[in-house]
Amino acid sequence: QVLRGTGVRSLLVAFALGSAGTLAGALLGSWALRSPLSLACGGWPEAAAILAALTAKNIGSGLNFLAVVEALQPHPSLVAAALAADNALGLLYFPLASALTPAPPPIATSSGGGG
């Protein structure tokens, strides 16, 4: 009965759309950058493992990243580099996204003699 509520349904739809967009972006990026990623990671299997782990992290959490890394076993130096790059980009992205967000409208206050 909880899942029938409109708030939960809206959240599930938003999560599904966000997950699909993240997956589509990862697939498009891996297709467009396959050669340089393969070169940088020492081969496509290593690059694909890191891409999968970062995609899982962006959809879920750091725990998803760890689970995918544990399952696919990419080289530890690639895991460290991926986490460092992700953190560095996050330091740029979140303040930028916050700065671009419009301010909320002012809250109207009633002016009356409440006395």
PDB file of N, CA and C in Angstrom:
ATOM      1  N   GLN A   1       0.819  -1.188   0.000  1.00  0.00           N
ATOM      2  CA  GLN A   1       0.000   0.000   0.000  1.00  0.00           C
ATOM      3  C   GLN A   1       0.871   1.262   0.000  1.00  0.00           C
ATOM      4  N   VAL A   2       2.042   1.183   0.606  1.00  0.00           N
ATOM      5  CA  VAL A   2       2.940   2.333   0.620  1.00  0.00           C
ATOM      6  C   VAL A   2       3.389   2.681  -0.796  1.00  0.00           C
ATOM      7  N   LEU A   3       3.653   1.663  -1.621  1.00  0.00           N
ATOM      8  CA  LEU A   3       4.121   1.905  -2.981  1.00  0.00           C
ATOM      9  C   LEU A   3       3.046   2.496  -3.883  1.00  0.00           C
ATOM     10  N   ARG A   4       1.801   2.466  -3.443  1.00  0.00           N
ATOM     11  CA  ARG A   4       0.724   3.023  -4.258  1.00  0.00           C
ATOM     12  C   ARG A   4       0.617   4.533  -4.122  1.00  0.00           C
ATOM     13  N   GLY A   5       1.273   5.106  -3.143  1.00  0.00           N
ATOM     14  CA  GLY A   5       1.211   6.554  -2.944  1.00  0.00           C
ATOM     15  C   GLY A   5       1.842   7.288  -4.114  1.00  0.00           C
ATOM     16  N   THR A   6       1.293   8.439  -4.447  1.00  0.00           N
ATOM     17  CA  THR A   6       1.786   9.174  -5.608  1.00  0.00           C
ATOM     18  C   THR A   6       3.190   9.707  -5.386  1.00  0.00           C
ATOM     19  N   GLY A   7       3.544  10.040  -4.153  1.00  0.00           N
ATOM     20  CA  GLY A   7       4.890  10.541  -3.884  1.00  0.00           C
ATOM     21  C   GLY A   7       5.944   9.494  -4.163  1.00  0.00           C
ATOM     22  N   VAL A   8       5.705   8.269  -3.731  1.00  0.00           N
ATOM     23  CA  VAL A   8       6.660   7.189  -3.953  1.00  0.00           C
ATOM     24  C   VAL A   8       6.751   6.857  -5.434  1.00  0.00           C
ATOM     25  N   ARG A   9       5.614   6.834  -6.088  1.00  0.00           N
ATOM     26  CA  ARG A   9       5.602   6.540  -7.524  1.00  0.00           C
ATOM     27  C   ARG A   9       6.390   7.599  -8.287  1.00  0.00           C
ATOM     28  N   SER A  10       6.227   8.853  -7.924  1.00  0.00           N
ATOM     29  CA  SER A  10       6.962   9.927  -8.585  1.00  0.00           C
ATOM     30  C   SER A  10       8.465   9.779  -8.365  1.00  0.00           C
ATOM     31  N   LEU A  11       8.845   9.411  -7.160  1.00  0.00           N
ATOM     32  CA  LEU A  11      10.268   9.211  -6.870  1.00  0.00           C
ATOM     33  C   LEU A  11      10.834   8.037  -7.669  1.00  0.00           C
ATOM     34  N   LEU A  12      10.067   6.960  -7.776  1.00  0.00           N
ATOM     35  CA  LEU A  12      10.539   5.800  -8.537  1.00  0.00           C
ATOM     36  C   LEU A  12      10.687   6.131 -10.017  1.00  0.00           C
ATOM     37  N   VAL A  13       9.751   6.898 -10.544  1.00  0.00           N
ATOM     38  CA  VAL A  13       9.837   7.300 -11.957  1.00  0.00           C
ATOM     39  C   VAL A  13      11.053   8.193 -12.159  1.00  0.00           C
ATOM     40  N   ALA A  14      11.263   9.150 -11.255  1.00  0.00           N
ATOM     41  CA  ALA A  14      12.420  10.041 -11.369  1.00  0.00           C
ATOM     42  C   ALA A  14      13.723   9.250 -11.259  1.00  0.00           C
ATOM     43  N   PHE A  15      13.777   8.296 -10.341  1.00  0.00           N
ATOM     44  CA  PHE A  15      14.976   7.475 -10.194  1.00  0.00           C
ATOM     45  C   PHE A  15      15.222   6.640 -11.447  1.00  0.00           C
ATOM     46  N   ALA A  16      14.166   6.056 -11.998  1.00  0.00           N
ATOM     47  CA  ALA A  16      14.311   5.240 -13.211  1.00  0.00           C
ATOM     48  C   ALA A  16      14.795   6.097 -14.383  1.00  0.00           C
ATOM     49  N   LEU A  17      14.241   7.290 -14.525  1.00  0.00           N
ATOM     50  CA  LEU A  17      14.676   8.169 -15.610  1.00  0.00           C
ATOM     51  C   LEU A  17      16.120   8.624 -15.406  1.00  0.00           C
ATOM     52  N   GLY A  18      16.481   8.966 -14.186  1.00  0.00           N
ATOM     53  CA  GLY A  18      17.863   9.357 -13.899  1.00  0.00           C
ATOM     54  C   GLY A  18      18.840   8.217 -14.135  1.00  0.00           C
ATOM     55  N   SER A  19      18.458   7.019 -13.739  1.00  0.00           N
ATOM     56  CA  SER A  19      19.310   5.847 -13.961  1.00  0.00           C
ATOM     57  C   SER A  19      19.481   5.560 -15.444  1.00  0.00           C
ATOM     58  N   ALA A  20      18.390   5.662 -16.192  1.00  0.00           N
ATOM     59  CA  ALA A  20      18.458   5.427 -17.638  1.00  0.00           C
ATOM     60  C   ALA A  20      19.337   6.485 -18.304  1.00  0.00           C
ATOM     61  N   GLY A  21      19.231   7.725 -17.874  1.00  0.00           N
ATOM     62  CA  GLY A  21      20.064   8.787 -18.432  1.00  0.00           C
ATOM     63  C   GLY A  21      21.533   8.581 -18.112  1.00  0.00           C
ATOM     64  N   THR A  22      21.814   8.155 -16.884  1.00  0.00           N
ATOM     65  CA  THR A  22      23.199   7.877 -16.487  1.00  0.00           C
ATOM     66  C   THR A  22      23.766   6.727 -17.307  1.00  0.00           C
ATOM     67  N   LEU A  23      22.994   5.679 -17.469  1.00  0.00           N
ATOM     68  CA  LEU A  23      23.439   4.531 -18.260  1.00  0.00           C
ATOM     69  C   LEU A  23      23.644   4.926 -19.724  1.00  0.00           C
ATOM     70  N   ALA A  24      22.719   5.701 -20.274  1.00  0.00           N
ATOM     71  CA  ALA A  24      22.862   6.146 -21.668  1.00  0.00           C
ATOM     72  C   ALA A  24      24.112   7.011 -21.831  1.00  0.00           C
ATOM     73  N   GLY A  25      24.359   7.899 -20.886  1.00  0.00           N
ATOM     74  CA  GLY A  25      25.559   8.735 -20.941  1.00  0.00           C
ATOM     75  C   GLY A  25      26.829   7.918 -20.856  1.00  0.00           C
ATOM     76  N   ALA A  26      26.826   6.901 -19.998  1.00  0.00           N
ATOM     77  CA  ALA A  26      27.999   6.038 -19.868  1.00  0.00           C
ATOM     78  C   ALA A  26      28.245   5.252 -21.156  1.00  0.00           C
ATOM     79  N   LEU A  27      27.176   4.740 -21.748  1.00  0.00           N
ATOM     80  CA  LEU A  27      27.325   3.986 -22.998  1.00  0.00           C
ATOM     81  C   LEU A  27      27.795   4.884 -24.136  1.00  0.00           C
ATOM     82  N   LEU A  28      27.216   6.065 -24.226  1.00  0.00           N
ATOM     83  CA  LEU A  28      27.616   6.999 -25.280  1.00  0.00           C
ATOM     84  C   LEU A  28      29.070   7.444 -25.084  1.00  0.00           C
ATOM     85  N   GLY A  29      29.431   7.762 -23.855  1.00  0.00           N
ATOM     86  CA  GLY A  29      30.805   8.166 -23.569  1.00  0.00           C
ATOM     87  C   GLY A  29      31.802   7.055 -23.838  1.00  0.00           C
ATOM     88  N   SER A  30      31.448   5.827 -23.473  1.00  0.00           N
ATOM     89  CA  SER A  30      32.370   4.716 -23.720  1.00  0.00           C
ATOM     90  C   SER A  30      32.509   4.436 -25.209  1.00  0.00           C
ATOM     91  N   TRP A  31      31.427   4.617 -25.957  1.00  0.00           N
ATOM     92  CA  TRP A  31      31.502   4.433 -27.403  1.00  0.00           C
ATOM     93  C   TRP A  31      32.370   5.522 -28.031  1.00  0.00           C
ATOM     94  N   ALA A  32      32.163   6.763 -27.614  1.00  0.00           N
ATOM     95  CA  ALA A  32      32.897   7.886 -28.214  1.00  0.00           C
ATOM     96  C   ALA A  32      34.369   7.895 -27.824  1.00  0.00           C
ATOM     97  N   LEU A  33      34.676   7.411 -26.630  1.00  0.00           N
ATOM     98  CA  LEU A  33      36.053   7.492 -26.119  1.00  0.00           C
ATOM     99  C   LEU A  33      36.701   6.126 -25.926  1.00  0.00           C
ATOM    100  N   ARG A  34      36.212   5.131 -26.629  1.00  0.00           N
ATOM    101  CA  ARG A  34      36.713   3.768 -26.427  1.00  0.00           C
ATOM    102  C   ARG A  34      38.227   3.667 -26.628  1.00  0.00           C
ATOM    103  N   SER A  35      38.736   4.232 -27.689  1.00  0.00           N
ATOM    104  CA  SER A  35      40.164   4.110 -27.984  1.00  0.00           C
ATOM    105  C   SER A  35      41.037   4.788 -26.926  1.00  0.00           C
ATOM    106  N   PRO A  36      40.780   6.070 -26.585  1.00  0.00           N
ATOM    107  CA  PRO A  36      41.621   6.690 -25.562  1.00  0.00           C
ATOM    108  C   PRO A  36      41.459   6.043 -24.186  1.00  0.00           C
ATOM    109  N   LEU A  37      40.256   5.577 -23.869  1.00  0.00           N
ATOM    110  CA  LEU A  37      40.062   4.907 -22.585  1.00  0.00           C
ATOM    111  C   LEU A  37      40.817   3.591 -22.538  1.00  0.00           C
ATOM    112  N   SER A  38      40.771   2.854 -23.619  1.00  0.00           N
ATOM    113  CA  SER A  38      41.501   1.591 -23.680  1.00  0.00           C
ATOM    114  C   SER A  38      42.995   1.823 -23.537  1.00  0.00           C
ATOM    115  N   LEU A  39      43.488   2.842 -24.195  1.00  0.00           N
ATOM    116  CA  LEU A  39      44.911   3.167 -24.116  1.00  0.00           C
ATOM    117  C   LEU A  39      45.302   3.581 -22.695  1.00  0.00           C
ATOM    118  N   ALA A  40      44.495   4.419 -22.081  1.00  0.00           N
ATOM    119  CA  ALA A  40      44.810   4.920 -20.745  1.00  0.00           C
ATOM    120  C   ALA A  40      44.727   3.833 -19.679  1.00  0.00           C
ATOM    121  N   CYS A  41      43.836   2.878 -19.873  1.00  0.00           N
ATOM    122  CA  CYS A  41      43.612   1.853 -18.849  1.00  0.00           C
ATOM    123  C   CYS A  41      44.357   0.552 -19.126  1.00  0.00           C
ATOM    124  N   GLY A  42      45.063   0.482 -20.218  1.00  0.00           N
ATOM    125  CA  GLY A  42      45.784  -0.749 -20.519  1.00  0.00           C
ATOM    126  C   GLY A  42      44.930  -1.815 -21.167  1.00  0.00           C
ATOM    127  N   GLY A  43      43.877  -1.420 -21.819  1.00  0.00           N
ATOM    128  CA  GLY A  43      43.014  -2.373 -22.514  1.00  0.00           C
ATOM    129  C   GLY A  43      41.546  -2.096 -22.236  1.00  0.00           C
ATOM    130  N   TRP A  44      40.712  -2.558 -23.138  1.00  0.00           N
ATOM    131  CA  TRP A  44      39.286  -2.310 -22.997  1.00  0.00           C
ATOM    132  C   TRP A  44      38.657  -3.011 -21.796  1.00  0.00           C
ATOM    133  N   PRO A  45      39.023  -4.251 -21.452  1.00  0.00           N
ATOM    134  CA  PRO A  45      38.387  -4.873 -20.276  1.00  0.00           C
ATOM    135  C   PRO A  45      38.592  -4.064 -18.987  1.00  0.00           C
ATOM    136  N   GLU A  46      39.773  -3.507 -18.810  1.00  0.00           N
ATOM    137  CA  GLU A  46      40.032  -2.679 -17.618  1.00  0.00           C
ATOM    138  C   GLU A  46      39.211  -1.393 -17.678  1.00  0.00           C
ATOM    139  N   ALA A  47      39.184  -0.761 -18.847  1.00  0.00           N
ATOM    140  CA  ALA A  47      38.418   0.474 -18.999  1.00  0.00           C
ATOM    141  C   ALA A  47      36.930   0.221 -18.772  1.00  0.00           C
ATOM    142  N   ALA A  48      36.420  -0.872 -19.308  1.00  0.00           N
ATOM    143  CA  ALA A  48      35.002  -1.199 -19.142  1.00  0.00           C
ATOM    144  C   ALA A  48      34.666  -1.469 -17.680  1.00  0.00           C
ATOM    145  N   ALA A  49      35.575  -2.096 -16.946  1.00  0.00           N
ATOM    146  CA  ALA A  49      35.338  -2.357 -15.524  1.00  0.00           C
ATOM    147  C   ALA A  49      35.244  -1.048 -14.746  1.00  0.00           C
ATOM    148  N   ILE A  50      36.129  -0.110 -15.034  1.00  0.00           N
ATOM    149  CA  ILE A  50      36.102   1.183 -14.344  1.00  0.00           C
ATOM    150  C   ILE A  50      34.852   1.963 -14.734  1.00  0.00           C
ATOM    151  N   LEU A  51      34.494   1.943 -16.021  1.00  0.00           N
ATOM    152  CA  LEU A  51      33.267   2.619 -16.455  1.00  0.00           C
ATOM    153  C   LEU A  51      32.038   2.035 -15.770  1.00  0.00           C
ATOM    154  N   ALA A  52      31.996   0.729 -15.660  1.00  0.00           N
ATOM    155  CA  ALA A  52      30.859   0.082 -14.998  1.00  0.00           C
ATOM    156  C   ALA A  52      30.790   0.477 -13.524  1.00  0.00           C
ATOM    157  N   ALA A  53      31.947   0.520 -12.863  1.00  0.00           N
ATOM    158  CA  ALA A  53      31.974   0.872 -11.443  1.00  0.00           C
ATOM    159  C   ALA A  53      31.538   2.324 -11.231  1.00  0.00           C
ATOM    160  N   LEU A  54      32.015   3.234 -12.075  1.00  0.00           N
ATOM    161  CA  LEU A  54      31.630   4.642 -11.933  1.00  0.00           C
ATOM    162  C   LEU A  54      30.155   4.851 -12.271  1.00  0.00           C
ATOM    163  N   THR A  55      29.655   4.129 -13.247  1.00  0.00           N
ATOM    164  CA  THR A  55      28.237   4.226 -13.581  1.00  0.00           C
ATOM    165  C   THR A  55      27.384   3.730 -12.418  1.00  0.00           C
ATOM    166  N   ALA A  56      27.797   2.612 -11.825  1.00  0.00           N
ATOM    167  CA  ALA A  56      27.061   2.078 -10.666  1.00  0.00           C
ATOM    168  C   ALA A  56      27.092   3.065  -9.508  1.00  0.00           C
ATOM    169  N   LYS A  57      28.221   3.732  -9.308  1.00  0.00           N
ATOM    170  CA  LYS A  57      28.335   4.720  -8.224  1.00  0.00           C
ATOM    171  C   LYS A  57      27.410   5.889  -8.472  1.00  0.00           C
ATOM    172  N   ASN A  58      27.341   6.340  -9.706  1.00  0.00           N
ATOM    173  CA  ASN A  58      26.500   7.491 -10.013  1.00  0.00           C
ATOM    174  C   ASN A  58      25.012   7.156  -9.931  1.00  0.00           C
ATOM    175  N   ILE A  59      24.656   5.921 -10.170  1.00  0.00           N
ATOM    176  CA  ILE A  59      23.257   5.512 -10.039  1.00  0.00           C
ATOM    177  C   ILE A  59      22.911   5.257  -8.575  1.00  0.00           C
ATOM    178  N   GLY A  60      23.817   4.626  -7.862  1.00  0.00           N
ATOM    179  CA  GLY A  60      23.524   4.273  -6.480  1.00  0.00           C
ATOM    180  C   GLY A  60      24.380   5.019  -5.491  1.00  0.00           C
ATOM    181  N   SER A  61      25.480   4.417  -5.125  1.00  0.00           N
ATOM    182  CA  SER A  61      26.333   5.025  -4.103  1.00  0.00           C
ATOM    183  C   SER A  61      27.736   4.443  -4.210  1.00  0.00           C
ATOM    184  N   GLY A  62      28.582   4.869  -3.303  1.00  0.00           N
ATOM    185  CA  GLY A  62      29.935   4.337  -3.252  1.00  0.00           C
ATOM    186  C   GLY A  62      29.958   2.842  -2.991  1.00  0.00           C
ATOM    187  N   LEU A  63      28.933   2.344  -2.300  1.00  0.00           N
ATOM    188  CA  LEU A  63      28.856   0.903  -2.054  1.00  0.00           C
ATOM    189  C   LEU A  63      28.679   0.145  -3.369  1.00  0.00           C
ATOM    190  N   ASN A  64      27.916   0.713  -4.294  1.00  0.00           N
ATOM    191  CA  ASN A  64      27.769   0.101  -5.616  1.00  0.00           C
ATOM    192  C   ASN A  64      29.113   0.066  -6.333  1.00  0.00           C
ATOM    193  N   PHE A  65      29.880   1.159  -6.217  1.00  0.00           N
ATOM    194  CA  PHE A  65      31.215   1.207  -6.821  1.00  0.00           C
ATOM    195  C   PHE A  65      32.062   0.056  -6.289  1.00  0.00           C
ATOM    196  N   LEU A  66      32.077  -0.097  -4.979  1.00  0.00           N
ATOM    197  CA  LEU A  66      32.884  -1.159  -4.365  1.00  0.00           C
ATOM    198  C   LEU A  66      32.428  -2.545  -4.790  1.00  0.00           C
ATOM    199  N   ALA A  67      31.123  -2.742  -4.895  1.00  0.00           N
ATOM    200  CA  ALA A  67      30.611  -4.050  -5.305  1.00  0.00           C
ATOM    201  C   ALA A  67      31.026  -4.392  -6.732  1.00  0.00           C
ATOM    202  N   VAL A  68      30.950  -3.422  -7.631  1.00  0.00           N
ATOM    203  CA  VAL A  68      31.343  -3.672  -9.026  1.00  0.00           C
ATOM    204  C   VAL A  68      32.851  -3.896  -9.116  1.00  0.00           C
ATOM    205  N   VAL A  69      33.622  -3.106  -8.378  1.00  0.00           N
ATOM    206  CA  VAL A  69      35.077  -3.293  -8.372  1.00  0.00           C
ATOM    207  C   VAL A  69      35.425  -4.686  -7.849  1.00  0.00           C
ATOM    208  N   GLU A  70      34.744  -5.105  -6.797  1.00  0.00           N
ATOM    209  CA  GLU A  70      35.003  -6.436  -6.234  1.00  0.00           C
ATOM    210  C   GLU A  70      34.645  -7.531  -7.240  1.00  0.00           C
ATOM    211  N   ALA A  71      33.576  -7.331  -7.986  1.00  0.00           N
ATOM    212  CA  ALA A  71      33.141  -8.343  -8.953  1.00  0.00           C
ATOM    213  C   ALA A  71      34.034  -8.385 -10.182  1.00  0.00           C
ATOM    214  N   LEU A  72      34.464  -7.228 -10.678  1.00  0.00           N
ATOM    215  CA  LEU A  72      35.198  -7.182 -11.944  1.00  0.00           C
ATOM    216  C   LEU A  72      36.711  -7.149 -11.781  1.00  0.00           C
ATOM    217  N   GLN A  73      37.200  -6.820 -10.593  1.00  0.00           N
ATOM    218  CA  GLN A  73      38.622  -6.859 -10.258  1.00  0.00           C
ATOM    219  C   GLN A  73      39.532  -6.054 -11.205  1.00  0.00           C
ATOM    220  N   PRO A  74      39.242  -4.775 -11.446  1.00  0.00           N
ATOM    221  CA  PRO A  74      40.193  -3.981 -12.235  1.00  0.00           C
ATOM    222  C   PRO A  74      41.467  -3.738 -11.425  1.00  0.00           C
ATOM    223  N   HIS A  75      42.500  -3.275 -12.083  1.00  0.00           N
ATOM    224  CA  HIS A  75      43.773  -3.026 -11.404  1.00  0.00           C
ATOM    225  C   HIS A  75      43.574  -1.975 -10.302  1.00  0.00           C
ATOM    226  N   PRO A  76      44.152  -2.190  -9.119  1.00  0.00           N
ATOM    227  CA  PRO A  76      43.959  -1.253  -8.005  1.00  0.00           C
ATOM    228  C   PRO A  76      44.364   0.191  -8.322  1.00  0.00           C
ATOM    229  N   SER A  77      45.388   0.380  -9.144  1.00  0.00           N
ATOM    230  CA  SER A  77      45.777   1.758  -9.467  1.00  0.00           C
ATOM    231  C   SER A  77      44.701   2.453 -10.300  1.00  0.00           C
ATOM    232  N   LEU A  78      43.990   1.701 -11.126  1.00  0.00           N
ATOM    233  CA  LEU A  78      42.886   2.288 -11.891  1.00  0.00           C
ATOM    234  C   LEU A  78      41.718   2.640 -10.982  1.00  0.00           C
ATOM    235  N   VAL A  79      41.474   1.820  -9.975  1.00  0.00           N
ATOM    236  CA  VAL A  79      40.405   2.103  -9.017  1.00  0.00           C
ATOM    237  C   VAL A  79      40.715   3.396  -8.270  1.00  0.00           C
ATOM    238  N   ALA A  80      41.961   3.533  -7.811  1.00  0.00           N
ATOM    239  CA  ALA A  80      42.358   4.750  -7.098  1.00  0.00           C
ATOM    240  C   ALA A  80      42.263   5.974  -8.001  1.00  0.00           C
ATOM    241  N   ALA A  81      42.707   5.843  -9.239  1.00  0.00           N
ATOM    242  CA  ALA A  81      42.638   6.967 -10.173  1.00  0.00           C
ATOM    243  C   ALA A  81      41.189   7.339 -10.478  1.00  0.00           C
ATOM    244  N   ALA A  82      40.328   6.349 -10.617  1.00  0.00           N
ATOM    245  CA  ALA A  82      38.915   6.627 -10.903  1.00  0.00           C
ATOM    246  C   ALA A  82      38.269   7.369  -9.736  1.00  0.00           C
ATOM    247  N   LEU A  83      38.552   6.927  -8.513  1.00  0.00           N
ATOM    248  CA  LEU A  83      37.979   7.607  -7.349  1.00  0.00           C
ATOM    249  C   LEU A  83      38.510   9.030  -7.216  1.00  0.00           C
ATOM    250  N   ALA A  84      39.798   9.207  -7.468  1.00  0.00           N
ATOM    251  CA  ALA A  84      40.387  10.547  -7.381  1.00  0.00           C
ATOM    252  C   ALA A  84      39.776  11.472  -8.433  1.00  0.00           C
ATOM    253  N   ALA A  85      39.634  10.987  -9.651  1.00  0.00           N
ATOM    254  CA  ALA A  85      39.038  11.802 -10.713  1.00  0.00           C
ATOM    255  C   ALA A  85      37.582  12.119 -10.397  1.00  0.00           C
ATOM    256  N   ASP A  86      36.846  11.146  -9.892  1.00  0.00           N
ATOM    257  CA  ASP A  86      35.447  11.362  -9.550  1.00  0.00           C
ATOM    258  C   ASP A  86      35.313  12.410  -8.445  1.00  0.00           C
ATOM    259  N   ASN A  87      36.156  12.327  -7.434  1.00  0.00           N
ATOM    260  CA  ASN A  87      36.109  13.311  -6.344  1.00  0.00           C
ATOM    261  C   ASN A  87      36.500  14.699  -6.829  1.00  0.00           C
ATOM    262  N   ALA A  88      37.511  14.784  -7.668  1.00  0.00           N
ATOM    263  CA  ALA A  88      37.946  16.089  -8.182  1.00  0.00           C
ATOM    264  C   ALA A  88      36.845  16.731  -9.023  1.00  0.00           C
ATOM    265  N   LEU A  89      36.200  15.942  -9.868  1.00  0.00           N
ATOM    266  CA  LEU A  89      35.118  16.496 -10.688  1.00  0.00           C
ATOM    267  C   LEU A  89      33.911  16.867  -9.832  1.00  0.00           C
ATOM    268  N   GLY A  90      33.680  16.114  -8.768  1.00  0.00           N
ATOM    269  CA  GLY A  90      32.592  16.456  -7.859  1.00  0.00           C
ATOM    270  C   GLY A  90      32.829  17.788  -7.178  1.00  0.00           C
ATOM    271  N   LEU A  91      34.101  18.079  -6.868  1.00  0.00           N
ATOM    272  CA  LEU A  91      34.434  19.368  -6.251  1.00  0.00           C
ATOM    273  C   LEU A  91      34.146  20.534  -7.194  1.00  0.00           C
ATOM    274  N   LEU A  92      34.160  20.286  -8.474  1.00  0.00           N
ATOM    275  CA  LEU A  92      33.810  21.324  -9.448  1.00  0.00           C
ATOM    276  C   LEU A  92      32.313  21.351  -9.732  1.00  0.00           C
ATOM    277  N   TYR A  93      31.730  20.161  -9.861  1.00  0.00           N
ATOM    278  CA  TYR A  93      30.337  20.061 -10.290  1.00  0.00           C
ATOM    279  C   TYR A  93      29.354  20.608  -9.258  1.00  0.00           C
ATOM    280  N   PHE A  94      29.467  20.188  -8.013  1.00  0.00           N
ATOM    281  CA  PHE A  94      28.449  20.542  -7.033  1.00  0.00           C
ATOM    282  C   PHE A  94      28.384  22.037  -6.737  1.00  0.00           C
ATOM    283  N   PRO A  95      29.501  22.735  -6.555  1.00  0.00           N
ATOM    284  CA  PRO A  95      29.383  24.187  -6.388  1.00  0.00           C
ATOM    285  C   PRO A  95      28.836  24.883  -7.639  1.00  0.00           C
ATOM    286  N   LEU A  96      29.213  24.390  -8.813  1.00  0.00           N
ATOM    287  CA  LEU A  96      28.703  24.983 -10.048  1.00  0.00           C
ATOM    288  C   LEU A  96      27.194  24.766 -10.165  1.00  0.00           C
ATOM    289  N   ALA A  97      26.739  23.562  -9.882  1.00  0.00           N
ATOM    290  CA  ALA A  97      25.306  23.276  -9.940  1.00  0.00           C
ATOM    291  C   ALA A  97      24.549  24.115  -8.917  1.00  0.00           C
ATOM    292  N   SER A  98      25.131  24.308  -7.754  1.00  0.00           N
ATOM    293  CA  SER A  98      24.501  25.127  -6.723  1.00  0.00           C
ATOM    294  C   SER A  98      24.437  26.587  -7.151  1.00  0.00           C
ATOM    295  N   ALA A  99      25.492  27.074  -7.777  1.00  0.00           N
ATOM    296  CA  ALA A  99      25.520  28.470  -8.211  1.00  0.00           C
ATOM    297  C   ALA A  99      24.531  28.727  -9.352  1.00  0.00           C
ATOM    298  N   LEU A 100      24.291  27.731 -10.175  1.00  0.00           N
ATOM    299  CA  LEU A 100      23.372  27.892 -11.304  1.00  0.00           C
ATOM    300  C   LEU A 100      21.909  27.696 -10.929  1.00  0.00           C
ATOM    301  N   THR A 101      21.659  27.215  -9.720  1.00  0.00           N
ATOM    302  CA  THR A 101      20.289  26.991  -9.273  1.00  0.00           C
ATOM    303  C   THR A 101      19.651  28.324  -8.907  1.00  0.00           C
ATOM    304  N   PRO A 102      18.471  28.619  -9.438  1.00  0.00           N
ATOM    305  CA  PRO A 102      17.833  29.893  -9.090  1.00  0.00           C
ATOM    306  C   PRO A 102      17.439  29.932  -7.621  1.00  0.00           C
ATOM    307  N   ALA A 103      17.443  31.119  -7.079  1.00  0.00           N
ATOM    308  CA  ALA A 103      17.048  31.299  -5.682  1.00  0.00           C
ATOM    309  C   ALA A 103      15.547  31.058  -5.550  1.00  0.00           C
ATOM    310  N   PRO A 104      15.130  30.507  -4.425  1.00  0.00           N
ATOM    311  CA  PRO A 104      13.692  30.290  -4.237  1.00  0.00           C
ATOM    312  C   PRO A 104      12.977  31.640  -4.098  1.00  0.00           C
ATOM    313  N   PRO A 105      11.697  31.661  -4.442  1.00  0.00           N
ATOM    314  CA  PRO A 105      10.961  32.918  -4.296  1.00  0.00           C
ATOM    315  C   PRO A 105      10.855  33.295  -2.820  1.00  0.00           C
ATOM    316  N   PRO A 106      10.771  34.581  -2.544  1.00  0.00           N
ATOM    317  CA  PRO A 106      10.658  34.994  -1.143  1.00  0.00           C
ATOM    318  C   PRO A 106       9.352  34.509  -0.530  1.00  0.00           C
ATOM    319  N   ILE A 107       9.414  34.244   0.753  1.00  0.00           N
ATOM    320  CA  ILE A 107       8.228  33.784   1.473  1.00  0.00           C
ATOM    321  C   ILE A 107       7.390  35.002   1.845  1.00  0.00           C
ATOM    322  N   ALA A 108       6.135  34.949   1.471  1.00  0.00           N
ATOM    323  CA  ALA A 108       5.241  36.070   1.773  1.00  0.00           C
ATOM    324  C   ALA A 108       4.907  36.057   3.257  1.00  0.00           C
ATOM    325  N   THR A 109       4.983  37.215   3.854  1.00  0.00           N
ATOM    326  CA  THR A 109       4.623  37.331   5.273  1.00  0.00           C
ATOM    327  C   THR A 109       3.371  38.199   5.367  1.00  0.00           C
ATOM    328  N   SER A 110       2.550  37.850   6.302  1.00  0.00           N
ATOM    329  CA  SER A 110       1.332  38.642   6.472  1.00  0.00           C
ATOM    330  C   SER A 110       1.657  39.857   7.332  1.00  0.00           C
ATOM    331  N   SER A 111       1.210  40.990   6.880  1.00  0.00           N
ATOM    332  CA  SER A 111       1.456  42.208   7.667  1.00  0.00           C
ATOM    333  C   SER A 111       0.137  42.650   8.269  1.00  0.00           C
ATOM    334  N   GLY A 112      -0.032  42.271   9.434  1.00  0.00           N
ATOM    335  CA  GLY A 112      -1.259  42.675  10.117  1.00  0.00           C
ATOM    336  C   GLY A 112      -0.955  42.915  11.580  1.00  0.00           C
ATOM    337  N   GLY A 113      -1.776  43.634  12.226  1.00  0.00           N
ATOM    338  CA  GLY A 113      -1.580  43.896  13.647  1.00  0.00           C
ATOM    339  C   GLY A 113      -2.010  42.683  14.437  1.00  0.00           C
ATOM    340  N   GLY A 114      -1.062  41.878  14.797  1.00  0.00           N
ATOM    341  CA  GLY A 114      -1.377  40.647  15.494  1.00  0.00           C
ATOM    342  C   GLY A 114      -1.429  40.830  16.988  1.00  0.00           C
ATOM    343  N   GLY A 115      -1.302  41.951  17.466  1.00  0.00           N
ATOM    344  CA  GLY A 115      -1.267  42.260  18.722  1.00  0.00           C
ATOM    345  C   GLY A 115      -1.401  42.142  20.020  1.00  0.00           C
TER     346      GLY A 115
END
